[in-house]
C-alpha cells in the first residue's frame, strides 16, 4: 500500500467494537468480498459517491477507479 493507507479513517456503527483493520480487510469489505469481520460481525460498506475524497480513497487506498468499483 502507499503512504495514505495509514491515514484512512473508517466510520462505523457504534455497535461495532473494532479498533483496527488491515488494508486487505478494508479493501475486501468495500469490494463486498467480505461481509463479516473476524469476530463474525456483519458489515455492509457505504461509500459517499463522487468528489475528491471518494476518488482519493479509490485511487490511493483501493487501487481502483470508480468504474472498477461499480463493476
C-alpha atoms as a PDB file:
ATOM      1  CA  UNK A   1       0.000   0.000   0.000  1.00  0.00           C
ATOM      2  CA  UNK A   2       1.032   3.615  -0.128  1.00  0.00           C
ATOM      3  CA  UNK A   3       1.536   6.413   2.380  1.00  0.00           C
ATOM      4  CA  UNK A   4      -2.185   7.218   2.557  1.00  0.00           C
ATOM      5  CA  UNK A   5      -3.058   3.738   3.778  1.00  0.00           C
ATOM      6  CA  UNK A   6      -2.216   4.635   7.374  1.00  0.00           C
ATOM      7  CA  UNK A   7      -4.383   7.754   7.388  1.00  0.00           C
ATOM      8  CA  UNK A   8      -7.747   6.292   6.374  1.00  0.00           C
ATOM      9  CA  UNK A   9     -10.489   6.510   8.990  1.00  0.00           C
ATOM     10  CA  UNK A  10     -13.469   4.194   8.771  1.00  0.00           C
ATOM     11  CA  UNK A  11     -16.682   5.360  10.432  1.00  0.00           C
ATOM     12  CA  UNK A  12     -18.781   2.505  11.757  1.00  0.00           C
ATOM     13  CA  UNK A  13     -21.956   1.928  13.687  1.00  0.00           C
ATOM     14  CA  UNK A  14     -21.305   2.213  17.454  1.00  0.00           C
ATOM     15  CA  UNK A  15     -22.292  -1.439  17.858  1.00  0.00           C
ATOM     16  CA  UNK A  16     -19.088  -2.496  16.073  1.00  0.00           C
ATOM     17  CA  UNK A  17     -16.254  -2.988  18.542  1.00  0.00           C
ATOM     18  CA  UNK A  18     -13.247  -2.989  16.244  1.00  0.00           C
ATOM     19  CA  UNK A  19     -10.096  -0.945  16.737  1.00  0.00           C
ATOM     20  CA  UNK A  20      -8.117  -1.659  13.575  1.00  0.00           C
ATOM     21  CA  UNK A  21      -8.467  -3.370  10.234  1.00  0.00           C
ATOM     22  CA  UNK A  22      -5.652  -4.350   7.948  1.00  0.00           C
ATOM     23  CA  UNK A  23      -5.673  -2.783   4.444  1.00  0.00           C
ATOM     24  CA  UNK A  24      -6.689  -6.009   2.694  1.00  0.00           C
ATOM     25  CA  UNK A  25      -9.650  -6.419   5.045  1.00  0.00           C
ATOM     26  CA  UNK A  26     -10.845  -2.864   4.338  1.00  0.00           C
ATOM     27  CA  UNK A  27     -10.499  -3.408   0.588  1.00  0.00           C
ATOM     28  CA  UNK A  28     -12.408  -6.697   0.734  1.00  0.00           C
ATOM     29  CA  UNK A  29     -15.247  -5.095   2.704  1.00  0.00           C
ATOM     30  CA  UNK A  30     -15.601  -2.236   0.201  1.00  0.00           C
ATOM     31  CA  UNK A  31     -15.418  -4.651  -2.751  1.00  0.00           C
ATOM     32  CA  UNK A  32     -18.133  -6.682  -0.975  1.00  0.00           C
ATOM     33  CA  UNK A  33     -15.901  -9.761  -0.988  1.00  0.00           C
ATOM     34  CA  UNK A  34     -16.088  -9.826   2.810  1.00  0.00           C
ATOM     35  CA  UNK A  35     -19.422  -9.442   4.617  1.00  0.00           C
ATOM     36  CA  UNK A  36     -18.282 -10.242   8.154  1.00  0.00           C
ATOM     37  CA  UNK A  37     -15.377  -9.128  10.308  1.00  0.00           C
ATOM     38  CA  UNK A  38     -13.024 -11.587  12.017  1.00  0.00           C
ATOM     39  CA  UNK A  39     -15.278 -11.606  15.084  1.00  0.00           C
ATOM     40  CA  UNK A  40     -18.330 -12.529  12.965  1.00  0.00           C
ATOM     41  CA  UNK A  41     -19.896  -9.040  12.950  1.00  0.00           C
ATOM     42  CA  UNK A  42     -21.869  -8.463   9.728  1.00  0.00           C
ATOM     43  CA  UNK A  43     -20.745  -5.396   7.747  1.00  0.00           C
ATOM     44  CA  UNK A  44     -22.133  -3.514   4.758  1.00  0.00           C
ATOM     45  CA  UNK A  45     -19.940  -0.826   3.176  1.00  0.00           C
ATOM     46  CA  UNK A  46     -21.224   2.641   2.458  1.00  0.00           C
ATOM     47  CA  UNK A  47     -19.050   4.971   0.422  1.00  0.00           C
ATOM     48  CA  UNK A  48     -20.002   8.519  -0.494  1.00  0.00           C
ATOM     49  CA  UNK A  49     -20.099   8.827  -4.249  1.00  0.00           C
ATOM     50  CA  UNK A  50     -18.150  11.380  -6.197  1.00  0.00           C
ATOM     51  CA  UNK A  51     -15.830  14.098  -5.071  1.00  0.00           C
ATOM     52  CA  UNK A  52     -12.173  14.361  -4.200  1.00  0.00           C
ATOM     53  CA  UNK A  53     -12.304  12.172  -1.083  1.00  0.00           C
ATOM     54  CA  UNK A  54     -14.123   9.403  -2.958  1.00  0.00           C
ATOM     55  CA  UNK A  55     -11.582   9.465  -5.785  1.00  0.00           C
ATOM     56  CA  UNK A  56      -8.601   9.621  -3.410  1.00  0.00           C
ATOM     57  CA  UNK A  57      -9.885   6.646  -1.411  1.00  0.00           C
ATOM     58  CA  UNK A  58     -10.445   4.556  -4.525  1.00  0.00           C
ATOM     59  CA  UNK A  59      -7.247   5.506  -6.317  1.00  0.00           C
ATOM     60  CA  UNK A  60      -4.801   5.669  -3.434  1.00  0.00           C
ATOM     61  CA  UNK A  61      -6.148   3.131  -0.979  1.00  0.00           C
ATOM     62  CA  UNK A  62      -8.146   0.641  -3.029  1.00  0.00           C
ATOM     63  CA  UNK A  63      -6.003   0.899  -6.201  1.00  0.00           C
ATOM     64  CA  UNK A  64      -9.109   1.003  -8.416  1.00  0.00           C
ATOM     65  CA  UNK A  65     -11.197   3.654 -10.138  1.00  0.00           C
ATOM     66  CA  UNK A  66     -14.912   4.397  -9.858  1.00  0.00           C
ATOM     67  CA  UNK A  67     -15.794   2.284 -12.911  1.00  0.00           C
ATOM     68  CA  UNK A  68     -13.983  -0.745 -11.485  1.00  0.00           C
ATOM     69  CA  UNK A  69     -15.817  -0.303  -8.181  1.00  0.00           C
ATOM     70  CA  UNK A  70     -19.193  -0.254  -9.932  1.00  0.00           C
ATOM     71  CA  UNK A  71     -18.356  -3.448 -11.823  1.00  0.00           C
END
